Structures are given as structure tokens and as C-alpha cells.
């Protein structure tokens, strides 16, 4: 059993009762905080860690003396709320925090944004450019558009559609130039 699963089982053993004794150690608290602040999606608040781009080291004393940990140790936090409370206390997901950890939002290129904004209506415009490389995508895109007409809540995006968007991303400038010349 993994260490994280063991800690979660210990936390849930007391259910949501506030009167259950504190059952995880300081080392387990540090381990838990490290696991709930996912390195690719969040960054610690600077007062709790020493931060380097894409990596950080928790300040053990700062974490263990944080208000949420003190509330937990005093038995004033329902055990089922510990993870949410710790996540709120230690893990930051704002743009400013993420930049400090060198985690940046991936932005699509203008052509991909154009296609995604009004897909599937604008996909045929791209396919009509008569670029040899786009011919491989035509049938899967048209099939997907047809599937969308019959099932508006379709959640699955075929790999060929993803490949089409990747192709547009890689060839953004060339396709935009071709579109401008065809008007």
C-alpha cells in the first residue's frame, strides 16, 4: 500500500468526527502537503517553501506552524476536510504563483483558436484550402462533424481530430497565409 493511501485511510478512519485524536505525524503531514500540491498544476505559497523554477522544497517549520495544521492538531478540523484545508493553505494556482514556479498556461496559436471557437462550422473552410497534407484529415473530420450533428453531447474527440489540430498548430503561419490568399 502506498504511503499516501495509508495516510488517507488513517484520516478517514475517524470519519468526519472532530473528536477523533490526531493520528498523523509531522512527517506524514509534510508528505501529504507535498502530494496535494501537484508540481505541474500548483505552486506553494512562498511563505511555506523555497521555490526554484519547476521545483521547490517545503519549509518544514513553516508548514507545521501554519494555521491549518495547528487547527488540525487541535482537533478542530473534521478529518474529511483536512486535504481541502491543506490545499487551500499551501497550494496556490493563481497566474502569479504559477509563474513563480515556471508553470505557464499553454496558449493555442491563432489558427487553432479560430477552429476551436466555432468548431465544426469553420473546419470545412480549412479543409477547402486544397493542401495535400489536409486530405488525410478530411474524412475523419467530416465523420466527426456528422457524429456531432447526431449527438451534441459527444465528449470523445477522435485521435484524427487531435492530429488535425496539432497539424494546424505546427503549420499556423502557412495555413493563415493560404487562407488570406484564397479570399
N, C-alpha and C. Protein backbone atom coordinates (compact mmCIF):
# COMPACT_ATOMS: atom_id res chain seq x y z
N UNK A 1 0.86 -1.18 0.00
CA UNK A 1 0.00 0.00 0.00
C UNK A 1 0.90 1.24 0.00
N UNK A 2 0.55 2.19 -0.83
CA UNK A 2 1.38 3.40 -0.90
C UNK A 2 1.24 4.23 0.37
N UNK A 3 2.24 5.05 0.61
CA UNK A 3 2.25 5.90 1.80
C UNK A 3 1.05 6.85 1.79
N UNK A 4 0.73 7.43 0.62
CA UNK A 4 -0.40 8.35 0.51
C UNK A 4 -1.71 7.66 0.84
N UNK A 5 -1.91 6.46 0.31
CA UNK A 5 -3.14 5.71 0.59
C UNK A 5 -3.24 5.42 2.08
N UNK A 6 -2.13 5.05 2.70
CA UNK A 6 -2.13 4.76 4.14
C UNK A 6 -2.54 5.99 4.94
N UNK A 7 -2.01 7.16 4.57
CA UNK A 7 -2.36 8.39 5.28
C UNK A 7 -3.84 8.71 5.09
N UNK A 8 -4.33 8.56 3.86
CA UNK A 8 -5.75 8.83 3.60
C UNK A 8 -6.65 7.88 4.38
N UNK A 9 -6.24 6.63 4.49
CA UNK A 9 -7.01 5.67 5.29
C UNK A 9 -7.02 6.07 6.76
N UNK A 10 -5.88 6.51 7.26
CA UNK A 10 -5.82 6.97 8.65
C UNK A 10 -6.76 8.15 8.87
N UNK A 11 -6.75 9.09 7.92
CA UNK A 11 -7.62 10.26 8.05
C UNK A 11 -9.09 9.86 8.01
N UNK A 12 -9.42 8.93 7.13
CA UNK A 12 -10.83 8.57 7.00
C UNK A 12 -11.30 7.64 8.11
N UNK A 13 -10.39 7.03 8.85
CA UNK A 13 -10.77 6.11 9.92
C UNK A 13 -11.61 6.79 10.99
N UNK A 14 -11.41 8.08 11.16
CA UNK A 14 -12.16 8.82 12.17
C UNK A 14 -13.46 9.39 11.60
N UNK A 15 -13.73 9.10 10.35
CA UNK A 15 -14.87 9.67 9.62
C UNK A 15 -14.83 11.18 9.74
N UNK A 16 -15.96 11.83 9.90
CA UNK A 16 -15.95 13.30 9.93
C UNK A 16 -16.01 13.83 11.35
N UNK A 17 -15.83 12.98 12.31
CA UNK A 17 -15.88 13.40 13.70
C UNK A 17 -14.74 14.34 14.04
N UNK A 18 -15.03 15.38 14.79
CA UNK A 18 -13.99 16.31 15.21
C UNK A 18 -13.31 15.83 16.49
N UNK A 19 -13.88 14.87 17.16
CA UNK A 19 -13.35 14.45 18.45
C UNK A 19 -12.32 13.33 18.34
N UNK A 20 -11.99 12.94 17.15
CA UNK A 20 -11.01 11.88 16.94
C UNK A 20 -9.61 12.42 17.20
N UNK A 21 -8.77 11.65 17.84
CA UNK A 21 -7.41 12.10 18.16
C UNK A 21 -6.60 12.32 16.88
N UNK A 22 -5.62 13.21 16.97
CA UNK A 22 -4.72 13.46 15.84
C UNK A 22 -3.95 12.18 15.59
N UNK A 23 -4.00 11.70 14.38
CA UNK A 23 -3.40 10.39 14.14
C UNK A 23 -2.31 10.39 13.07
N UNK A 24 -2.02 11.53 12.45
CA UNK A 24 -0.90 11.51 11.51
C UNK A 24 0.23 12.37 12.06
N UNK A 25 1.43 11.90 11.84
CA UNK A 25 2.63 12.55 12.39
C UNK A 25 3.02 13.78 11.57
N UNK A 26 3.99 14.53 12.10
CA UNK A 26 4.50 15.69 11.36
C UNK A 26 5.08 15.26 10.01
N UNK A 27 5.81 14.15 10.00
CA UNK A 27 6.36 13.66 8.73
C UNK A 27 5.25 13.33 7.74
N UNK A 28 4.17 12.75 8.23
CA UNK A 28 3.05 12.42 7.36
C UNK A 28 2.34 13.68 6.86
N UNK A 29 2.28 14.70 7.69
CA UNK A 29 1.69 15.98 7.27
C UNK A 29 2.52 16.56 6.13
N UNK A 30 3.84 16.58 6.28
CA UNK A 30 4.72 17.10 5.22
C UNK A 30 4.53 16.27 3.95
N UNK A 31 4.49 14.97 4.08
CA UNK A 31 4.30 14.09 2.92
C UNK A 31 2.97 14.39 2.23
N UNK A 32 1.92 14.54 3.02
CA UNK A 32 0.59 14.82 2.48
C UNK A 32 0.56 16.16 1.75
N UNK A 33 1.11 17.18 2.36
CA UNK A 33 1.15 18.52 1.73
C UNK A 33 1.92 18.45 0.41
N UNK A 34 3.02 17.71 0.40
CA UNK A 34 3.81 17.56 -0.82
C UNK A 34 3.00 16.88 -1.92
N UNK A 35 2.17 15.92 -1.56
CA UNK A 35 1.37 15.20 -2.55
C UNK A 35 0.18 16.00 -3.07
N UNK A 36 -0.42 16.81 -2.22
CA UNK A 36 -1.62 17.53 -2.67
C UNK A 36 -1.29 18.78 -3.48
N UNK A 37 -0.08 19.27 -3.39
CA UNK A 37 0.34 20.40 -4.24
C UNK A 37 1.10 19.82 -5.43
N UNK A 38 0.38 19.48 -6.46
CA UNK A 38 0.93 18.83 -7.64
C UNK A 38 1.88 19.76 -8.38
N UNK A 39 3.09 19.32 -8.63
CA UNK A 39 4.13 20.18 -9.21
C UNK A 39 3.82 20.70 -10.60
N UNK A 40 3.00 20.04 -11.36
CA UNK A 40 2.71 20.53 -12.70
C UNK A 40 1.48 21.43 -12.75
N UNK A 41 0.75 21.52 -11.62
CA UNK A 41 -0.50 22.28 -11.65
C UNK A 41 -0.62 23.36 -10.59
N UNK A 42 0.17 23.28 -9.54
CA UNK A 42 0.11 24.28 -8.47
C UNK A 42 1.53 24.64 -8.04
N UNK A 43 1.61 25.67 -7.25
CA UNK A 43 2.88 26.13 -6.71
C UNK A 43 2.62 26.47 -5.25
N UNK A 44 3.57 26.22 -4.36
CA UNK A 44 3.31 26.56 -2.96
C UNK A 44 3.30 28.08 -2.75
N UNK A 45 2.57 28.51 -1.76
CA UNK A 45 2.68 29.91 -1.36
C UNK A 45 4.10 30.10 -0.86
N UNK A 46 4.69 31.25 -1.19
CA UNK A 46 6.13 31.45 -0.93
C UNK A 46 6.51 31.37 0.54
N UNK A 47 5.57 31.64 1.45
CA UNK A 47 5.92 31.58 2.87
C UNK A 47 6.09 30.15 3.38
N UNK A 48 5.75 29.14 2.55
CA UNK A 48 5.84 27.76 3.01
C UNK A 48 6.90 26.92 2.29
N UNK A 49 7.59 27.52 1.33
CA UNK A 49 8.58 26.73 0.59
C UNK A 49 9.65 27.62 -0.01
N UNK A 50 10.79 27.01 -0.26
CA UNK A 50 11.84 27.69 -1.02
C UNK A 50 11.64 27.23 -2.46
N UNK A 51 11.42 28.19 -3.36
CA UNK A 51 10.96 27.88 -4.71
C UNK A 51 12.05 28.14 -5.74
N UNK A 52 12.26 27.15 -6.58
CA UNK A 52 13.12 27.24 -7.76
C UNK A 52 12.20 26.93 -8.95
N UNK A 53 12.55 27.38 -10.15
CA UNK A 53 11.67 27.05 -11.28
C UNK A 53 11.41 25.55 -11.38
N UNK A 54 10.14 25.20 -11.43
CA UNK A 54 9.65 23.82 -11.55
C UNK A 54 10.02 22.90 -10.38
N UNK A 55 10.50 23.46 -9.30
CA UNK A 55 10.82 22.63 -8.14
C UNK A 55 10.75 23.48 -6.89
N UNK A 56 10.53 22.83 -5.78
CA UNK A 56 10.52 23.53 -4.50
C UNK A 56 10.82 22.57 -3.37
N UNK A 57 11.22 23.15 -2.26
CA UNK A 57 11.47 22.38 -1.04
C UNK A 57 10.62 23.02 0.04
N UNK A 58 9.82 22.21 0.70
CA UNK A 58 8.93 22.72 1.75
C UNK A 58 9.74 23.17 2.95
N UNK A 59 9.34 24.28 3.54
CA UNK A 59 9.91 24.75 4.80
C UNK A 59 9.13 24.04 5.90
N UNK A 60 9.73 23.01 6.44
CA UNK A 60 9.06 22.13 7.41
C UNK A 60 8.47 22.92 8.57
N UNK A 61 9.25 23.83 9.16
CA UNK A 61 8.76 24.60 10.31
C UNK A 61 7.57 25.47 9.92
N UNK A 62 7.65 26.12 8.76
CA UNK A 62 6.55 26.99 8.32
C UNK A 62 5.28 26.19 8.09
N UNK A 63 5.41 25.01 7.48
CA UNK A 63 4.24 24.17 7.23
C UNK A 63 3.63 23.71 8.55
N UNK A 64 4.45 23.21 9.45
CA UNK A 64 3.93 22.64 10.69
C UNK A 64 3.37 23.68 11.65
N UNK A 65 3.75 24.94 11.47
CA UNK A 65 3.19 26.00 12.33
C UNK A 65 2.09 26.80 11.62
N UNK A 66 1.74 26.39 10.41
CA UNK A 66 0.69 27.08 9.65
C UNK A 66 -0.65 26.95 10.39
N UNK A 67 -1.51 27.95 10.26
CA UNK A 67 -2.81 27.92 10.96
C UNK A 67 -3.63 26.65 10.70
N UNK A 68 -3.66 26.17 9.47
CA UNK A 68 -4.47 24.98 9.18
C UNK A 68 -3.93 23.75 9.89
N UNK A 69 -2.61 23.61 9.96
CA UNK A 69 -2.01 22.47 10.65
C UNK A 69 -2.28 22.57 12.15
N UNK A 70 -2.19 23.77 12.69
CA UNK A 70 -2.47 23.96 14.12
C UNK A 70 -3.93 23.62 14.44
N UNK A 71 -4.84 24.04 13.57
CA UNK A 71 -6.26 23.69 13.76
C UNK A 71 -6.44 22.18 13.71
N UNK A 72 -5.78 21.54 12.75
CA UNK A 72 -5.88 20.09 12.62
C UNK A 72 -5.35 19.40 13.88
N UNK A 73 -4.18 19.82 14.35
CA UNK A 73 -3.58 19.19 15.53
C UNK A 73 -4.42 19.42 16.78
N UNK A 74 -5.15 20.53 16.82
CA UNK A 74 -6.01 20.82 17.97
C UNK A 74 -7.34 20.06 17.87
N UNK A 75 -7.52 19.31 16.80
CA UNK A 75 -8.74 18.53 16.64
C UNK A 75 -9.94 19.37 16.24
N UNK A 76 -9.71 20.55 15.65
CA UNK A 76 -10.80 21.45 15.30
C UNK A 76 -11.19 21.38 13.82
N UNK A 77 -10.65 20.40 13.12
CA UNK A 77 -10.97 20.25 11.70
C UNK A 77 -11.52 18.85 11.49
N UNK A 78 -12.71 18.74 10.90
CA UNK A 78 -13.20 17.39 10.57
C UNK A 78 -12.19 16.70 9.65
N UNK A 79 -11.90 15.46 9.95
CA UNK A 79 -10.85 14.74 9.22
C UNK A 79 -11.10 14.71 7.72
N UNK A 80 -12.34 14.69 7.30
CA UNK A 80 -12.65 14.63 5.87
C UNK A 80 -12.39 15.97 5.18
N UNK A 81 -12.10 17.01 5.93
CA UNK A 81 -11.83 18.33 5.33
C UNK A 81 -10.35 18.69 5.36
N UNK A 82 -9.52 17.81 5.90
CA UNK A 82 -8.10 18.10 6.06
C UNK A 82 -7.43 18.39 4.71
N UNK A 83 -7.65 17.54 3.74
CA UNK A 83 -6.98 17.72 2.44
C UNK A 83 -7.39 19.04 1.81
N UNK A 84 -8.68 19.35 1.78
CA UNK A 84 -9.13 20.63 1.21
C UNK A 84 -8.53 21.81 1.96
N UNK A 85 -8.51 21.72 3.27
CA UNK A 85 -7.96 22.81 4.09
C UNK A 85 -6.46 23.00 3.82
N UNK A 86 -5.72 21.91 3.77
CA UNK A 86 -4.28 21.99 3.50
C UNK A 86 -4.03 22.51 2.08
N UNK A 87 -4.82 22.05 1.14
CA UNK A 87 -4.65 22.50 -0.24
C UNK A 87 -4.87 24.01 -0.34
N UNK A 88 -5.89 24.49 0.34
CA UNK A 88 -6.18 25.93 0.33
C UNK A 88 -5.05 26.72 1.02
N UNK A 89 -4.50 26.17 2.08
CA UNK A 89 -3.45 26.85 2.84
C UNK A 89 -2.11 26.89 2.10
N UNK A 90 -1.75 25.78 1.44
CA UNK A 90 -0.39 25.65 0.92
C UNK A 90 -0.24 25.73 -0.60
N UNK A 91 -1.27 25.40 -1.36
CA UNK A 91 -1.14 25.27 -2.82
C UNK A 91 -1.79 26.45 -3.53
N UNK A 92 -1.01 27.16 -4.29
CA UNK A 92 -1.51 28.34 -5.00
C UNK A 92 -1.63 28.02 -6.49
N UNK A 93 -2.73 28.44 -7.10
CA UNK A 93 -2.92 28.19 -8.53
C UNK A 93 -3.14 29.48 -9.32
N UNK A 94 -2.88 30.63 -8.69
CA UNK A 94 -3.05 31.89 -9.42
C UNK A 94 -1.94 32.03 -10.46
N UNK A 95 -2.18 32.88 -11.45
CA UNK A 95 -1.20 33.08 -12.51
C UNK A 95 0.15 33.54 -11.95
N UNK A 96 0.10 34.43 -10.97
CA UNK A 96 1.33 34.96 -10.36
C UNK A 96 2.13 33.84 -9.69
N UNK A 97 1.44 33.01 -8.92
CA UNK A 97 2.12 31.89 -8.25
C UNK A 97 2.69 30.91 -9.27
N UNK A 98 1.88 30.56 -10.25
CA UNK A 98 2.34 29.58 -11.24
C UNK A 98 3.57 30.10 -11.99
N UNK A 99 3.60 31.39 -12.26
CA UNK A 99 4.76 31.98 -12.94
C UNK A 99 6.01 31.85 -12.08
N UNK A 100 5.85 31.99 -10.77
CA UNK A 100 6.98 31.87 -9.85
C UNK A 100 7.59 30.46 -9.93
N UNK A 101 6.76 29.48 -10.19
CA UNK A 101 7.23 28.10 -10.31
C UNK A 101 7.50 27.72 -11.77
N UNK A 102 7.45 28.70 -12.65
CA UNK A 102 7.69 28.50 -14.08
C UNK A 102 6.68 27.54 -14.70
N UNK A 103 5.44 27.61 -14.24
CA UNK A 103 4.36 26.84 -14.83
C UNK A 103 3.53 27.85 -15.61
N UNK A 104 3.49 27.69 -16.92
CA UNK A 104 2.79 28.66 -17.75
C UNK A 104 1.62 28.00 -18.46
N UNK A 105 0.59 28.79 -18.69
CA UNK A 105 -0.58 28.31 -19.41
C UNK A 105 -0.20 28.11 -20.88
N UNK A 106 -0.63 27.00 -21.42
CA UNK A 106 -0.38 26.75 -22.83
C UNK A 106 -1.46 27.47 -23.63
N UNK A 107 -1.02 28.34 -24.51
CA UNK A 107 -1.97 29.09 -25.34
C UNK A 107 -1.90 28.56 -26.76
N UNK A 108 -3.08 28.33 -27.31
CA UNK A 108 -3.14 27.84 -28.68
C UNK A 108 -2.79 28.95 -29.65
N UNK A 109 -2.23 28.58 -30.78
CA UNK A 109 -1.93 29.55 -31.83
C UNK A 109 -3.24 30.07 -32.41
N UNK A 110 -3.21 31.25 -33.05
CA UNK A 110 -4.45 31.87 -33.56
C UNK A 110 -5.29 30.98 -34.46
N UNK A 111 -4.67 30.21 -35.32
CA UNK A 111 -5.44 29.35 -36.23
C UNK A 111 -6.20 28.27 -35.46
N UNK A 112 -5.55 27.66 -34.49
CA UNK A 112 -6.21 26.62 -33.69
C UNK A 112 -7.34 27.25 -32.88
N UNK A 113 -7.12 28.45 -32.34
CA UNK A 113 -8.19 29.15 -31.62
C UNK A 113 -9.37 29.41 -32.55
N UNK A 114 -9.09 29.84 -33.78
CA UNK A 114 -10.14 30.11 -34.77
C UNK A 114 -10.97 28.85 -35.02
N UNK A 115 -10.30 27.72 -35.22
CA UNK A 115 -11.02 26.47 -35.49
C UNK A 115 -11.83 26.04 -34.27
N UNK A 116 -11.23 26.13 -33.09
CA UNK A 116 -11.91 25.67 -31.87
C UNK A 116 -13.08 26.55 -31.48
N UNK A 117 -13.00 27.86 -31.77
CA UNK A 117 -14.05 28.78 -31.36
C UNK A 117 -15.41 28.43 -31.96
N UNK A 118 -15.41 27.95 -33.18
CA UNK A 118 -16.69 27.68 -33.83
C UNK A 118 -16.66 26.34 -34.55
N UNK A 119 -16.02 25.39 -33.90
CA UNK A 119 -15.97 24.05 -34.48
C UNK A 119 -17.35 23.42 -34.35
N UNK A 120 -17.89 22.80 -35.35
CA UNK A 120 -17.28 22.34 -36.59
C UNK A 120 -17.52 23.26 -37.80
N UNK A 121 -18.24 24.36 -37.62
CA UNK A 121 -18.61 25.20 -38.77
C UNK A 121 -17.43 25.69 -39.58
N UNK A 122 -16.31 26.01 -38.92
CA UNK A 122 -15.20 26.58 -39.66
C UNK A 122 -14.16 25.55 -40.13
N UNK A 123 -14.30 24.30 -39.74
CA UNK A 123 -13.36 23.27 -40.19
C UNK A 123 -13.40 23.08 -41.71
N UNK A 124 -14.57 23.05 -42.35
CA UNK A 124 -14.59 22.89 -43.81
C UNK A 124 -13.83 24.00 -44.54
N UNK A 125 -13.82 25.19 -43.98
CA UNK A 125 -13.07 26.29 -44.60
C UNK A 125 -11.58 25.95 -44.67
N UNK A 126 -11.07 25.38 -43.61
CA UNK A 126 -9.66 24.98 -43.58
C UNK A 126 -9.43 23.83 -44.56
N UNK A 127 -10.33 22.85 -44.54
CA UNK A 127 -10.18 21.69 -45.41
C UNK A 127 -10.27 22.06 -46.89
N UNK A 128 -10.98 23.13 -47.21
CA UNK A 128 -11.16 23.54 -48.61
C UNK A 128 -9.93 24.24 -49.19
N UNK A 129 -8.88 24.39 -48.42
CA UNK A 129 -7.68 25.09 -48.90
C UNK A 129 -6.88 24.26 -49.91
N UNK A 130 -7.28 23.02 -50.09
CA UNK A 130 -6.63 22.13 -51.06
C UNK A 130 -5.14 21.95 -50.80
N UNK A 131 -4.80 21.82 -49.55
CA UNK A 131 -3.43 21.46 -49.19
C UNK A 131 -3.36 19.94 -49.13
N UNK A 132 -2.38 19.38 -49.79
CA UNK A 132 -2.25 17.93 -49.89
C UNK A 132 -2.28 17.26 -48.51
N UNK A 133 -1.57 17.86 -47.55
CA UNK A 133 -1.48 17.26 -46.21
C UNK A 133 -2.83 17.23 -45.49
N UNK A 134 -3.73 18.12 -45.85
CA UNK A 134 -5.04 18.17 -45.18
C UNK A 134 -5.99 17.08 -45.67
N UNK A 135 -5.69 16.49 -46.82
CA UNK A 135 -6.60 15.48 -47.39
C UNK A 135 -6.75 14.28 -46.45
N UNK A 136 -5.69 13.93 -45.73
CA UNK A 136 -5.77 12.80 -44.80
C UNK A 136 -6.75 13.07 -43.66
N UNK A 137 -6.98 14.33 -43.36
CA UNK A 137 -7.85 14.69 -42.24
C UNK A 137 -9.32 14.85 -42.65
N UNK A 138 -9.55 15.00 -43.95
CA UNK A 138 -10.90 15.35 -44.41
C UNK A 138 -11.96 14.35 -43.98
N UNK A 139 -11.75 13.07 -44.25
CA UNK A 139 -12.77 12.07 -43.91
C UNK A 139 -13.01 11.99 -42.39
N UNK A 140 -11.96 11.88 -41.56
CA UNK A 140 -12.21 11.83 -40.11
C UNK A 140 -12.91 13.08 -39.57
N UNK A 141 -12.55 14.25 -40.11
CA UNK A 141 -13.19 15.49 -39.65
C UNK A 141 -14.66 15.49 -40.05
N UNK A 142 -14.94 15.14 -41.28
CA UNK A 142 -16.35 15.11 -41.73
C UNK A 142 -17.15 14.07 -40.94
N UNK A 143 -16.55 12.91 -40.66
CA UNK A 143 -17.24 11.90 -39.84
C UNK A 143 -17.52 12.44 -38.44
N UNK A 144 -16.55 13.13 -37.87
CA UNK A 144 -16.73 13.69 -36.53
C UNK A 144 -17.82 14.77 -36.53
N UNK A 145 -17.82 15.61 -37.56
CA UNK A 145 -18.87 16.64 -37.69
C UNK A 145 -20.23 15.97 -37.77
N UNK A 146 -20.33 14.90 -38.54
CA UNK A 146 -21.58 14.16 -38.66
C UNK A 146 -21.99 13.56 -37.31
N UNK A 147 -21.02 13.01 -36.58
CA UNK A 147 -21.31 12.46 -35.25
C UNK A 147 -21.81 13.55 -34.31
N UNK A 148 -21.23 14.74 -34.41
CA UNK A 148 -21.66 15.87 -33.56
C UNK A 148 -23.09 16.29 -33.87
N UNK A 149 -23.46 16.21 -35.14
CA UNK A 149 -24.84 16.58 -35.52
C UNK A 149 -25.85 15.65 -34.86
N UNK A 150 -25.49 14.38 -34.74
CA UNK A 150 -26.41 13.39 -34.18
C UNK A 150 -26.32 13.26 -32.67
N UNK A 151 -25.21 13.71 -32.10
CA UNK A 151 -25.02 13.61 -30.66
C UNK A 151 -24.29 14.85 -30.16
N UNK A 152 -25.05 15.87 -29.80
CA UNK A 152 -24.49 17.17 -29.40
C UNK A 152 -23.62 17.07 -28.14
N UNK A 153 -23.86 16.07 -27.29
CA UNK A 153 -23.12 15.92 -26.04
C UNK A 153 -21.91 15.01 -26.17
N UNK A 154 -21.50 14.74 -27.39
CA UNK A 154 -20.36 13.85 -27.62
C UNK A 154 -19.12 14.39 -26.92
N UNK A 155 -18.55 13.61 -26.02
CA UNK A 155 -17.39 14.05 -25.24
C UNK A 155 -16.08 13.56 -25.84
N UNK A 156 -16.13 12.48 -26.60
CA UNK A 156 -14.94 11.86 -27.17
C UNK A 156 -14.49 12.63 -28.41
N UNK A 157 -13.20 12.94 -28.46
CA UNK A 157 -12.62 13.58 -29.64
C UNK A 157 -11.65 12.57 -30.25
N UNK A 158 -11.92 12.14 -31.49
CA UNK A 158 -11.06 11.13 -32.12
C UNK A 158 -9.62 11.62 -32.27
N UNK A 159 -8.71 10.68 -32.27
CA UNK A 159 -7.28 11.00 -32.39
C UNK A 159 -7.00 11.77 -33.68
N UNK A 160 -7.74 11.45 -34.75
CA UNK A 160 -7.52 12.14 -36.03
C UNK A 160 -7.85 13.62 -35.93
N UNK A 161 -8.85 13.97 -35.12
CA UNK A 161 -9.21 15.38 -34.92
C UNK A 161 -8.10 16.07 -34.12
N UNK A 162 -7.59 15.39 -33.11
CA UNK A 162 -6.46 15.93 -32.34
C UNK A 162 -5.25 16.12 -33.25
N UNK A 163 -5.01 15.14 -34.13
CA UNK A 163 -3.90 15.25 -35.08
C UNK A 163 -4.09 16.44 -36.02
N UNK A 164 -5.33 16.66 -36.45
CA UNK A 164 -5.67 17.80 -37.30
C UNK A 164 -5.31 19.11 -36.59
N UNK A 165 -5.70 19.23 -35.34
CA UNK A 165 -5.40 20.44 -34.57
C UNK A 165 -3.89 20.60 -34.36
N UNK A 166 -3.21 19.50 -34.12
CA UNK A 166 -1.74 19.55 -33.99
C UNK A 166 -1.10 20.01 -35.30
N UNK A 167 -1.64 19.51 -36.42
CA UNK A 167 -1.13 19.92 -37.73
C UNK A 167 -1.33 21.43 -37.92
N UNK A 168 -2.51 21.92 -37.57
CA UNK A 168 -2.79 23.35 -37.69
C UNK A 168 -1.82 24.16 -36.83
N UNK A 169 -1.55 23.66 -35.65
CA UNK A 169 -0.63 24.35 -34.75
C UNK A 169 0.78 24.43 -35.37
N UNK A 170 1.24 23.31 -35.90
CA UNK A 170 2.59 23.27 -36.49
C UNK A 170 2.70 24.13 -37.75
N UNK A 171 1.61 24.27 -38.48
CA UNK A 171 1.63 24.96 -39.77
C UNK A 171 0.81 26.24 -39.76
N UNK A 172 0.67 26.83 -38.61
CA UNK A 172 -0.16 28.01 -38.40
C UNK A 172 0.08 29.11 -39.44
N UNK A 173 1.31 29.56 -39.57
CA UNK A 173 1.61 30.69 -40.46
C UNK A 173 1.31 30.37 -41.92
N UNK A 174 1.71 29.19 -42.36
CA UNK A 174 1.49 28.79 -43.75
C UNK A 174 0.01 28.71 -44.09
N UNK A 175 -0.79 28.15 -43.20
CA UNK A 175 -2.22 28.00 -43.48
C UNK A 175 -2.92 29.35 -43.44
N UNK A 176 -2.55 30.20 -42.51
CA UNK A 176 -3.16 31.54 -42.46
C UNK A 176 -2.83 32.31 -43.74
N UNK A 177 -1.60 32.19 -44.21
CA UNK A 177 -1.22 32.85 -45.46
C UNK A 177 -2.06 32.32 -46.63
N UNK A 178 -2.24 31.02 -46.68
CA UNK A 178 -3.04 30.39 -47.75
C UNK A 178 -4.50 30.86 -47.65
N UNK A 179 -5.02 30.96 -46.44
CA UNK A 179 -6.41 31.44 -46.26
C UNK A 179 -6.54 32.88 -46.73
N UNK A 180 -5.58 33.72 -46.41
CA UNK A 180 -5.61 35.13 -46.83
C UNK A 180 -5.53 35.25 -48.34
N UNK A 181 -4.74 34.39 -48.98
CA UNK A 181 -4.60 34.43 -50.44
C UNK A 181 -5.82 33.89 -51.16
N UNK A 182 -6.60 33.05 -50.50
CA UNK A 182 -7.77 32.45 -51.15
C UNK A 182 -9.02 33.32 -51.04
N UNK A 183 -8.94 34.42 -50.33
CA UNK A 183 -10.14 35.27 -50.16
C UNK A 183 -10.27 36.28 -51.26
